C-alpha atoms as a PDB file:
ATOM      1  CA  MET A   1     204.959 -30.642  50.049  1.00  0.00           C
ATOM      2  CA  GLU A   2     204.397 -33.872  48.115  1.00  0.00           C
ATOM      3  CA  LYS A   3     203.937 -33.943  44.336  1.00  0.00           C
ATOM      4  CA  SER A   4     200.701 -35.965  44.332  1.00  0.00           C
ATOM      5  CA  TRP A   5     197.787 -37.110  46.461  1.00  0.00           C
ATOM      6  CA  LYS A   6     199.222 -40.622  46.461  1.00  0.00           C
ATOM      7  CA  GLU A   7     202.566 -39.533  47.890  1.00  0.00           C
ATOM      8  CA  ALA A   8     200.823 -37.399  50.506  1.00  0.00           C
ATOM      9  CA  ILE A   9     198.651 -40.351  51.526  1.00  0.00           C
ATOM     10  CA  LYS A  10     201.702 -42.591  51.828  1.00  0.00           C
ATOM     11  CA  ARG A  11     203.411 -40.015  54.022  1.00  0.00           C
ATOM     12  CA  VAL A  12     200.476 -39.716  56.425  1.00  0.00           C
ATOM     13  CA  LEU A  13     200.056 -43.487  56.718  1.00  0.00           C
ATOM     14  CA  ALA A  14     203.809 -43.943  57.194  1.00  0.00           C
ATOM     15  CA  GLU A  15     203.839 -41.440  60.030  1.00  0.00           C
ATOM     16  CA  SER A  16     200.817 -43.068  61.649  1.00  0.00           C
ATOM     17  CA  GLU A  17     201.856 -46.718  61.232  1.00  0.00           C
ATOM     18  CA  ASN A  18     198.217 -47.504  62.081  1.00  0.00           C
ATOM     19  CA  PRO A  19     195.171 -47.790  59.813  1.00  0.00           C
ATOM     20  CA  LEU A  20     193.295 -44.536  59.294  1.00  0.00           C
ATOM     21  CA  HIS A  21     189.910 -43.640  57.847  1.00  0.00           C
ATOM     22  CA  TYR A  22     190.154 -41.727  54.583  1.00  0.00           C
ATOM     23  CA  THR A  23     188.563 -38.634  56.166  1.00  0.00           C
ATOM     24  CA  GLU A  24     191.302 -38.545  58.793  1.00  0.00           C
ATOM     25  CA  ILE A  25     193.974 -39.072  56.143  1.00  0.00           C
ATOM     26  CA  SER A  26     192.728 -36.127  54.097  1.00  0.00           C
ATOM     27  CA  GLU A  27     192.443 -33.939  57.179  1.00  0.00           C
ATOM     28  CA  GLN A  28     196.051 -34.654  58.151  1.00  0.00           C
ATOM     29  CA  ILE A  29     197.270 -34.052  54.592  1.00  0.00           C
ATOM     30  CA  LEU A  30     195.747 -30.577  54.525  1.00  0.00           C
ATOM     31  CA  SER A  31     196.527 -29.572  58.108  1.00  0.00           C
ATOM     32  CA  ARG A  32     200.187 -30.606  57.733  1.00  0.00           C
ATOM     33  CA  GLY A  33     200.528 -28.965  54.333  1.00  0.00           C
ATOM     34  CA  TYR A  34     201.517 -32.180  52.539  1.00  0.00           C
ATOM     35  CA  TYR A  35     199.352 -31.311  49.528  1.00  0.00           C
ATOM     36  CA  GLU A  36     197.208 -28.368  48.428  1.00  0.00           C
ATOM     37  CA  THR A  37     193.893 -28.499  46.632  1.00  0.00           C
ATOM     38  CA  ASP A  38     191.157 -26.115  45.523  1.00  0.00           C
ATOM     39  CA  GLY A  39     188.618 -28.934  45.548  1.00  0.00           C
ATOM     40  CA  ALA A  40     185.589 -29.083  47.830  1.00  0.00           C
ATOM     41  CA  THR A  41     185.772 -32.827  48.500  1.00  0.00           C
ATOM     42  CA  PRO A  42     189.300 -33.754  49.640  1.00  0.00           C
ATOM     43  CA  ALA A  43     188.117 -36.758  51.634  1.00  0.00           C
ATOM     44  CA  ALA A  44     186.343 -38.168  48.585  1.00  0.00           C
ATOM     45  CA  THR A  45     189.468 -37.594  46.505  1.00  0.00           C
ATOM     46  CA  VAL A  46     191.656 -39.453  49.012  1.00  0.00           C
ATOM     47  CA  ASN A  47     189.221 -42.360  49.105  1.00  0.00           C
ATOM     48  CA  ALA A  48     189.162 -42.509  45.306  1.00  0.00           C
ATOM     49  CA  GLN A  49     192.967 -42.462  45.147  1.00  0.00           C
ATOM     50  CA  LEU A  50     193.239 -45.320  47.626  1.00  0.00           C
ATOM     51  CA  ALA A  51     190.524 -47.435  46.034  1.00  0.00           C
ATOM     52  CA  SER A  52     191.914 -46.884  42.540  1.00  0.00           C
ATOM     53  CA  SER A  53     195.447 -47.845  43.607  1.00  0.00           C
ATOM     54  CA  ILE A  54     194.254 -51.055  45.254  1.00  0.00           C
ATOM     55  CA  LYS A  55     192.089 -52.041  42.296  1.00  0.00           C
ATOM     56  CA  HIS A  56     194.371 -51.132  39.390  1.00  0.00           C
ATOM     57  CA  GLU A  57     197.855 -51.643  40.832  1.00  0.00           C
ATOM     58  CA  GLY A  58     197.072 -55.012  42.393  1.00  0.00           C
ATOM     59  CA  ASP A  59     199.834 -56.460  44.550  1.00  0.00           C
ATOM     60  CA  SER A  60     202.126 -53.538  43.718  1.00  0.00           C
ATOM     61  CA  SER A  61     199.822 -51.065  45.474  1.00  0.00           C
ATOM     62  CA  PRO A  62     201.361 -49.813  48.726  1.00  0.00           C
ATOM     63  CA  PHE A  63     197.923 -49.631  50.326  1.00  0.00           C
ATOM     64  CA  VAL A  64     195.564 -52.170  51.828  1.00  0.00           C
ATOM     65  CA  ARG A  65     191.960 -51.752  52.860  1.00  0.00           C
ATOM     66  CA  VAL A  66     191.507 -53.152  56.376  1.00  0.00           C
ATOM     67  CA  ALA A  67     187.875 -52.108  56.945  1.00  0.00           C
ATOM     68  CA  LYS A  68     185.164 -50.039  55.306  1.00  0.00           C
ATOM     69  CA  GLY A  69     186.771 -46.685  54.525  1.00  0.00           C
ATOM     70  CA  THR A  70     189.897 -47.539  56.545  1.00  0.00           C
ATOM     71  CA  PHE A  71     193.325 -48.044  54.985  1.00  0.00           C
ATOM     72  CA  ALA A  72     196.921 -48.763  55.927  1.00  0.00           C
ATOM     73  CA  LEU A  73     200.289 -49.183  54.310  1.00  0.00           C
ATOM     74  CA  LYS A  74     200.625 -52.815  53.317  1.00  0.00           C
ATOM     75  CA  LYS A  75     204.111 -53.132  54.827  1.00  0.00           C
ATOM     76  CA  PHE A  76     202.842 -52.200  58.288  1.00  0.00           C
ATOM     77  CA  VAL A  77     200.005 -54.712  58.070  1.00  0.00           C
ATOM     78  CA  LEU A  78     202.451 -57.455  57.053  1.00  0.00           C
ATOM     79  CA  ILE A  79     204.837 -56.522  59.860  1.00  0.00           C
ATOM     80  CA  ALA A  80     201.970 -56.746  62.325  1.00  0.00           C
ATOM     81  CA  GLY A  81     201.288 -60.266  61.066  1.00  0.00           C
ATOM     82  CA  GLN A  82     197.797 -59.502  59.743  1.00  0.00           C
ATOM     83  CA  GLU A  83     196.560 -61.428  56.739  1.00  0.00           C
ATOM     84  CA  THR A  84     195.950 -59.440  53.572  1.00  0.00           C
ATOM     85  CA  THR A  85     193.955 -60.474  50.549  1.00  0.00           C
ATOM     86  CA  SER A  86     195.208 -59.774  47.057  1.00  0.00           C
ATOM     87  CA  PRO A  87     192.856 -57.404  45.181  1.00  0.00           C
ATOM     88  CA  SER A  88     192.657 -59.969  42.400  1.00  0.00           C
ATOM     89  CA  LYS A  89     191.184 -62.466  44.861  1.00  0.00           C
ATOM     90  CA  GLN A  90     188.755 -60.104  46.508  1.00  0.00           C
ATOM     91  CA  ASN A  91     185.137 -59.811  45.552  1.00  0.00           C
ATOM     92  CA  PRO A  92     184.925 -56.820  43.152  1.00  0.00           C
ATOM     93  CA  SER A  93     182.057 -55.434  45.195  1.00  0.00           C
ATOM     94  CA  ASP A  94     184.438 -55.121  48.135  1.00  0.00           C
ATOM     95  CA  ILE A  95     186.694 -52.683  46.271  1.00  0.00           C
ATOM     96  CA  PRO A  96     184.948 -49.440  45.346  1.00  0.00           C
ATOM     97  CA  THR A  97     186.641 -47.679  42.438  1.00  0.00           C
ATOM     98  CA  SER A  98     185.633 -44.277  43.731  1.00  0.00           C
ATOM     99  CA  PHE A  99     183.865 -42.517  46.550  1.00  0.00           C
ATOM    100  CA  GLU A 100     180.745 -42.324  44.403  1.00  0.00           C
ATOM    101  CA  ASP A 101     180.722 -46.121  44.034  1.00  0.00           C
ATOM    102  CA  GLU A 102     180.890 -46.541  47.786  1.00  0.00           C
ATOM    103  CA  LEU A 103     177.898 -44.231  48.123  1.00  0.00           C
ATOM    104  CA  SER A 104     175.963 -45.719  45.201  1.00  0.00           C
ATOM    105  CA  GLU A 105     173.463 -47.377  47.534  1.00  0.00           C
ATOM    106  CA  SER A 106     173.318 -44.539  50.027  1.00  0.00           C
ATOM    107  CA  ILE A 107     170.293 -42.282  50.195  1.00  0.00           C
ATOM    108  CA  ILE A 108     172.040 -39.593  52.217  1.00  0.00           C
ATOM    109  CA  HIS A 109     175.187 -38.199  50.599  1.00  0.00           C
ATOM    110  CA  SER A 110     176.050 -35.356  52.953  1.00  0.00           C
ATOM    111  CA  PHE A 111     174.850 -33.930  56.232  1.00  0.00           C
ATOM    112  CA  GLY A 112     175.447 -31.215  58.811  1.00  0.00           C
ATOM    113  CA  MET A 113     174.886 -31.480  62.550  1.00  0.00           C
ATOM    114  CA  TYR A 114     173.828 -28.727  64.947  1.00  0.00           C
ATOM    115  CA  TRP A 115     174.547 -25.835  62.600  1.00  0.00           C
ATOM    116  CA  GLN A 116     173.998 -22.416  64.163  1.00  0.00           C
ATOM    117  CA  ARG A 117     171.117 -20.314  62.927  1.00  0.00           C
ATOM    118  CA  ASP A 118     172.980 -17.048  63.504  1.00  0.00           C
ATOM    119  CA  LEU A 119     175.820 -17.984  61.121  1.00  0.00           C
ATOM    120  CA  VAL A 120     173.450 -17.716  58.143  1.00  0.00           C
ATOM    121  CA  VAL A 121     172.164 -14.537  56.498  1.00  0.00           C
ATOM    122  CA  TRP A 122     168.489 -15.377  56.242  1.00  0.00           C
ATOM    123  CA  ARG A 123     166.647 -14.287  53.120  1.00  0.00           C
ATOM    124  CA  SER A 124     164.240 -15.991  50.710  1.00  0.00           C
ATOM    125  CA  ASP A 125     167.139 -17.684  48.926  1.00  0.00           C
ATOM    126  CA  PRO A 126     169.856 -17.987  51.603  1.00  0.00           C
ATOM    127  CA  LYS A 127     173.325 -19.433  51.243  1.00  0.00           C
ATOM    128  CA  MET A 128     174.342 -22.052  53.807  1.00  0.00           C
ATOM    129  CA  TYR A 129     178.057 -22.775  53.758  1.00  0.00           C
ATOM    130  CA  GLY A 130     179.781 -25.921  54.951  1.00  0.00           C
ATOM    131  CA  LYS A 131     183.211 -27.462  54.587  1.00  0.00           C
ATOM    132  CA  GLN A 132     184.220 -31.082  54.382  1.00  0.00           C
ATOM    133  CA  GLN A 133     187.273 -30.087  56.419  1.00  0.00           C
ATOM    134  CA  ALA A 134     188.576 -26.858  57.891  1.00  0.00           C
ATOM    135  CA  LEU A 135     190.990 -26.178  55.015  1.00  0.00           C
ATOM    136  CA  SER A 136     188.806 -27.321  52.123  1.00  0.00           C
ATOM    137  CA  LYS A 137     186.662 -25.227  49.796  1.00  0.00           C
ATOM    138  CA  PRO A 138     183.266 -24.191  51.220  1.00  0.00           C
ATOM    139  CA  VAL A 139     180.087 -25.541  49.640  1.00  0.00           C
ATOM    140  CA  ASP A 140     176.756 -23.715  49.513  1.00  0.00           C
ATOM    141  CA  PHE A 141     174.038 -26.108  50.697  1.00  0.00           C
ATOM    142  CA  GLY A 142     171.188 -23.646  50.309  1.00  0.00           C
ATOM    143  CA  LYS A 143     169.857 -25.663  47.340  1.00  0.00           C
ATOM    144  CA  GLN A 144     170.166 -29.012  49.132  1.00  0.00           C
ATOM    145  CA  LYS A 145     167.150 -31.321  49.448  1.00  0.00           C
ATOM    146  CA  GLY A 146     166.384 -33.855  52.139  1.00  0.00           C
ATOM    147  CA  ILE A 147     165.425 -33.958  55.804  1.00  0.00           C
ATOM    148  CA  TYR A 148     166.068 -31.352  58.476  1.00  0.00           C
ATOM    149  CA  ILE A 149     165.690 -31.007  62.242  1.00  0.00           C
ATOM    150  CA  LEU A 150     165.243 -27.801  64.231  1.00  0.00           C
ATOM    151  CA  TYR A 151     166.564 -27.555  67.795  1.00  0.00           C
ATOM    152  CA  ASP A 152     166.270 -25.278  70.767  1.00  0.00           C
ATOM    153  CA  HIS A 153     169.909 -25.818  71.699  1.00  0.00           C
ATOM    154  CA  HIS A 154     169.922 -29.665  71.749  1.00  0.00           C
ATOM    155  CA  THR A 155     166.185 -30.197  72.212  1.00  0.00           C
ATOM    156  CA  VAL A 156     164.350 -31.251  69.044  1.00  0.00           C
ATOM    157  CA  VAL A 157     161.429 -28.939  68.298  1.00  0.00           C
ATOM    158  CA  TYR A 158     160.594 -29.845  64.689  1.00  0.00           C
ATOM    159  CA  VAL A 159     161.398 -32.381  61.965  1.00  0.00           C
ATOM    160  CA  GLY A 160     160.675 -31.550  58.342  1.00  0.00           C
ATOM    161  CA  ARG A 161     161.491 -32.393  54.758  1.00  0.00           C
ATOM    162  CA  SER A 162     162.702 -30.258  51.898  1.00  0.00           C
ATOM    163  CA  ILE A 163     161.811 -31.703  48.503  1.00  0.00           C
ATOM    164  CA  ASP A 164     159.593 -29.290  46.588  1.00  0.00           C
ATOM    165  CA  ARG A 165     161.515 -26.297  47.956  1.00  0.00           C
ATOM    166  CA  PRO A 166     165.274 -26.215  48.636  1.00  0.00           C
ATOM    167  CA  LEU A 167     166.600 -26.540  52.169  1.00  0.00           C
ATOM    168  CA  GLY A 168     167.665 -22.918  52.518  1.00  0.00           C
ATOM    169  CA  LYS A 169     164.271 -21.548  51.505  1.00  0.00           C
ATOM    170  CA  ARG A 170     162.467 -24.034  53.760  1.00  0.00           C
ATOM    171  CA  LEU A 171     164.545 -23.011  56.761  1.00  0.00           C
ATOM    172  CA  PHE A 172     164.060 -19.332  55.954  1.00  0.00           C
ATOM    173  CA  GLU A 173     160.310 -19.889  56.145  1.00  0.00           C
ATOM    174  CA  HIS A 174     160.813 -21.238  59.671  1.00  0.00           C
ATOM    175  CA  THR A 175     162.460 -17.964  60.701  1.00  0.00           C
ATOM    176  CA  ILE A 176     159.213 -16.098  60.059  1.00  0.00           C
ATOM    177  CA  ASP A 177     156.513 -18.685  60.860  1.00  0.00           C
ATOM    178  CA  ARG A 178     155.219 -19.949  64.231  1.00  0.00           C
ATOM    179  CA  LEU A 179     158.573 -21.626  64.902  1.00  0.00           C
ATOM    180  CA  GLY A 180     160.550 -18.436  64.312  1.00  0.00           C
ATOM    181  CA  SER A 181     161.476 -17.829  67.957  1.00  0.00           C
ATOM    182  CA  ARG A 182     161.726 -21.472  68.985  1.00  0.00           C
ATOM    183  CA  TRP A 183     164.949 -22.702  67.359  1.00  0.00           C
ATOM    184  CA  ASN A 184     168.585 -21.645  67.212  1.00  0.00           C
ATOM    185  CA  ARG A 185     170.265 -24.710  65.665  1.00  0.00           C
ATOM    186  CA  PHE A 186     169.494 -27.137  62.855  1.00  0.00           C
ATOM    187  CA  SER A 187     170.732 -30.394  61.367  1.00  0.00           C
ATOM    188  CA  TRP A 188     170.207 -31.561  57.807  1.00  0.00           C
ATOM    189  CA  PHE A 189     170.612 -34.779  55.820  1.00  0.00           C
ATOM    190  CA  GLY A 190     171.009 -34.202  52.087  1.00  0.00           C
ATOM    191  CA  LEU A 191     169.950 -36.245  49.078  1.00  0.00           C
ATOM    192  CA  LEU A 192     172.122 -34.290  46.632  1.00  0.00           C
ATOM    193  CA  ASP A 193     175.770 -35.218  46.177  1.00  0.00           C
ATOM    194  CA  VAL A 194     178.672 -32.736  46.144  1.00  0.00           C
ATOM    195  CA  THR A 195     181.025 -32.523  43.164  1.00  0.00           C
ATOM    196  CA  GLN A 196     184.758 -31.872  43.373  1.00  0.00           C
ATOM    197  CA  GLU A 197     184.033 -28.292  42.209  1.00  0.00           C
ATOM    198  CA  GLY A 198     181.651 -27.754  45.134  1.00  0.00           C
ATOM    199  CA  ASN A 199     178.349 -27.974  43.251  1.00  0.00           C
ATOM    200  CA  LEU A 200     175.303 -30.030  44.208  1.00  0.00           C
ATOM    201  CA  ARG A 201     174.051 -32.744  41.866  1.00  0.00           C
ATOM    202  CA  GLU A 202     171.403 -35.418  41.768  1.00  0.00           C
ATOM    203  CA  THR A 203     172.546 -39.042  41.537  1.00  0.00           C
ATOM    204  CA  PRO A 204     170.492 -41.957  40.196  1.00  0.00           C
ATOM    205  CA  PRO A 205     168.838 -43.881  43.042  1.00  0.00           C
ATOM    206  CA  ASN A 206     170.204 -47.383  43.490  1.00  0.00           C
ATOM    207  CA  THR A 207     169.137 -48.412  46.959  1.00  0.00           C
ATOM    208  CA  SER A 208     168.603 -51.909  48.291  1.00  0.00           C
ATOM    209  CA  LEU A 209     166.252 -52.614  51.178  1.00  0.00           C
ATOM    210  CA  ALA A 210     169.213 -53.390  53.454  1.00  0.00           C
ATOM    211  CA  SER A 211     170.892 -50.113  52.580  1.00  0.00           C
ATOM    212  CA  LEU A 212     167.636 -48.222  53.146  1.00  0.00           C
ATOM    213  CA  VAL A 213     167.219 -49.712  56.616  1.00  0.00           C
ATOM    214  CA  SER A 214     170.877 -49.049  57.492  1.00  0.00           C
ATOM    215  CA  THR A 215     170.594 -45.436  56.367  1.00  0.00           C
ATOM    216  CA  LEU A 216     167.413 -44.827  58.339  1.00  0.00           C
ATOM    217  CA  GLU A 217     168.980 -46.404  61.420  1.00  0.00           C
ATOM    218  CA  ALA A 218     172.083 -44.251  61.075  1.00  0.00           C
ATOM    219  CA  LEU A 219     170.050 -41.094  60.523  1.00  0.00           C
ATOM    220  CA  LEU A 220     168.054 -41.701  63.704  1.00  0.00           C
ATOM    221  CA  ILE A 221     171.220 -42.401  65.680  1.00  0.00           C
ATOM    222  CA  GLU A 222     172.802 -39.197  64.416  1.00  0.00           C
ATOM    223  CA  ALA A 223     169.717 -37.114  65.126  1.00  0.00           C
ATOM    224  CA  LEU A 224     168.748 -38.539  68.517  1.00  0.00           C
ATOM    225  CA  GLU A 225     172.174 -39.581  69.876  1.00  0.00           C
ATOM    226  CA  PRO A 226     170.818 -42.437  72.025  1.00  0.00           C
ATOM    227  CA  PRO A 227     173.327 -43.164  74.832  1.00  0.00           C
ATOM    228  CA  GLN A 228     173.422 -46.919  74.227  1.00  0.00           C
ATOM    229  CA  ASN A 229     174.424 -46.604  70.561  1.00  0.00           C
ATOM    230  CA  ARG A 230     178.209 -46.517  70.314  1.00  0.00           C
ATOM    231  CA  LYS A 231     178.445 -46.136  66.561  1.00  0.00           C
ATOM    232  CA  ARG A 232     176.791 -44.148  63.832  1.00  0.00           C
ATOM    233  CA  GLY A 233     175.142 -47.120  62.165  1.00  0.00           C
ATOM    234  CA  ASP A 234     176.141 -49.810  59.716  1.00  0.00           C
ATOM    235  CA  ASP A 235     177.195 -48.708  56.218  1.00  0.00           C
ATOM    236  CA  PHE A 236     176.449 -45.012  56.727  1.00  0.00           C
ATOM    237  CA  SER A 237     178.958 -43.485  54.320  1.00  0.00           C
ATOM    238  CA  ALA A 238     177.647 -39.921  54.078  1.00  0.00           C
ATOM    239  CA  ILE A 239     180.160 -37.136  54.639  1.00  0.00           C
ATOM    240  CA  GLU A 240     179.563 -34.670  57.448  1.00  0.00           C
ATOM    241  CA  TYR A 241     180.147 -31.011  56.649  1.00  0.00           C
ATOM    242  CA  ILE A 242     181.121 -28.509  59.316  1.00  0.00           C
ATOM    243  CA  GLN A 243     179.393 -25.151  59.159  1.00  0.00           C
ATOM    244  CA  ASP A 244     181.206 -22.125  57.774  1.00  0.00           C
ATOM    245  CA  ILE A 245     180.093 -18.582  58.548  1.00  0.00           C
ATOM    246  CA  ASP A 246     178.526 -16.619  55.691  1.00  0.00           C
ATOM    247  CA  PRO A 247     181.143 -14.276  54.091  1.00  0.00           C
ATOM    248  CA  GLU A 248     178.688 -11.412  54.496  1.00  0.00           C
ATOM    249  CA  LEU A 249     178.705 -11.929  58.270  1.00  0.00           C
ATOM    250  CA  LYS A 250     182.496 -12.229  58.260  1.00  0.00           C
ATOM    251  CA  GLU A 251     182.719  -8.842  56.555  1.00  0.00           C
ATOM    252  CA  LYS A 252     180.370  -7.301  59.123  1.00  0.00           C
ATOM    253  CA  GLU A 253     182.493  -8.698  61.953  1.00  0.00           C
ATOM    254  CA  ILE A 254     185.632  -7.191  60.404  1.00  0.00           C
ATOM    255  CA  GLN A 255     183.963  -3.799  59.991  1.00  0.00           C
ATOM    256  CA  ASN A 256     182.674  -3.874  63.584  1.00  0.00           C
ATOM    257  CA  THR A 257     186.151  -4.760  64.847  1.00  0.00           C
ATOM    258  CA  LEU A 258     187.708  -1.917  62.870  1.00  0.00           C
ATOM    259  CA  ARG A 259     185.138   0.554  64.216  1.00  0.00           C
ATOM    260  CA  THR A 260     185.806  -0.614  67.775  1.00  0.00           C
ATOM    261  CA  ILE A 261     189.549  -0.193  67.328  1.00  0.00           C
ATOM    262  CA  GLU A 262     189.038   3.241  65.788  1.00  0.00           C
ATOM    263  CA  GLN A 263     186.823   4.333  68.687  1.00  0.00           C
ATOM    264  CA  LYS A 264     189.394   3.144  71.245  1.00  0.00           C
ATOM    265  CA  MET A 265     192.188   4.998  69.433  1.00  0.00           C
ATOM    266  CA  ARG A 266     190.124   8.170  69.423  1.00  0.00           C
ATOM    267  CA  GLY A 267     189.528   7.773  73.162  1.00  0.00           C
ATOM    268  CA  VAL A 268     193.228   7.347  73.833  1.00  0.00           C
ATOM    269  CA  SER A 269     194.203  10.367  71.709  1.00  0.00           C
ATOM    270  CA  ALA A 270     191.558  12.477  73.452  1.00  0.00           C
END
């Protein structure tokens, strides 16, 4: 195990020898056990480490940013004969100092796609857990605000917004209203950011018209998955969270498994 995020990042990029997106770097760090963290936003931390190194260490930084959110070890880029630009010569706006800076013009900060209805314990104030990556800390998105889509499998049946009431409560209402029997999956696009500790927070809006259009385009592409669109959309920097089963359901599954085993053992002994 490495002693710091920076050393873990260097190790992953050295083993790859190819540029990687910061989300992939963080995923490989955790899955390979190169570094451990209790934080809920490892991808954001990796991006902040990379951006900070490039900005503050200048030419001595081992990293180079080759595209939006994509980094490589400088020595591999030089070996490949690609031209690099010194951080001191780059436009400051091209070098975000942190993940939050990169998202400063983004409306959507986090999202989840095709989450399963039956992995949530539905009540008036439900908890909806998601993880940035499989080994990262789960985040409760029940208090999230934004836009949501209900599906019957992959068929869209309803699009709604959650502003005056949190996302979890709004979805709970759809389990008991006229749509109650018509959906089994949902996607959501959240306005609230996620802190390193796994809490939701509001961020000051700072959105240009271009960023607004790009975000709306990306959201539609994500939601509708048109076959002719090969990419998510320009400048869509929101982090996708994979759904995590509610701990209460996990406990029920364990108890059911234990009861099944106990019943089988009784049958064998009989």
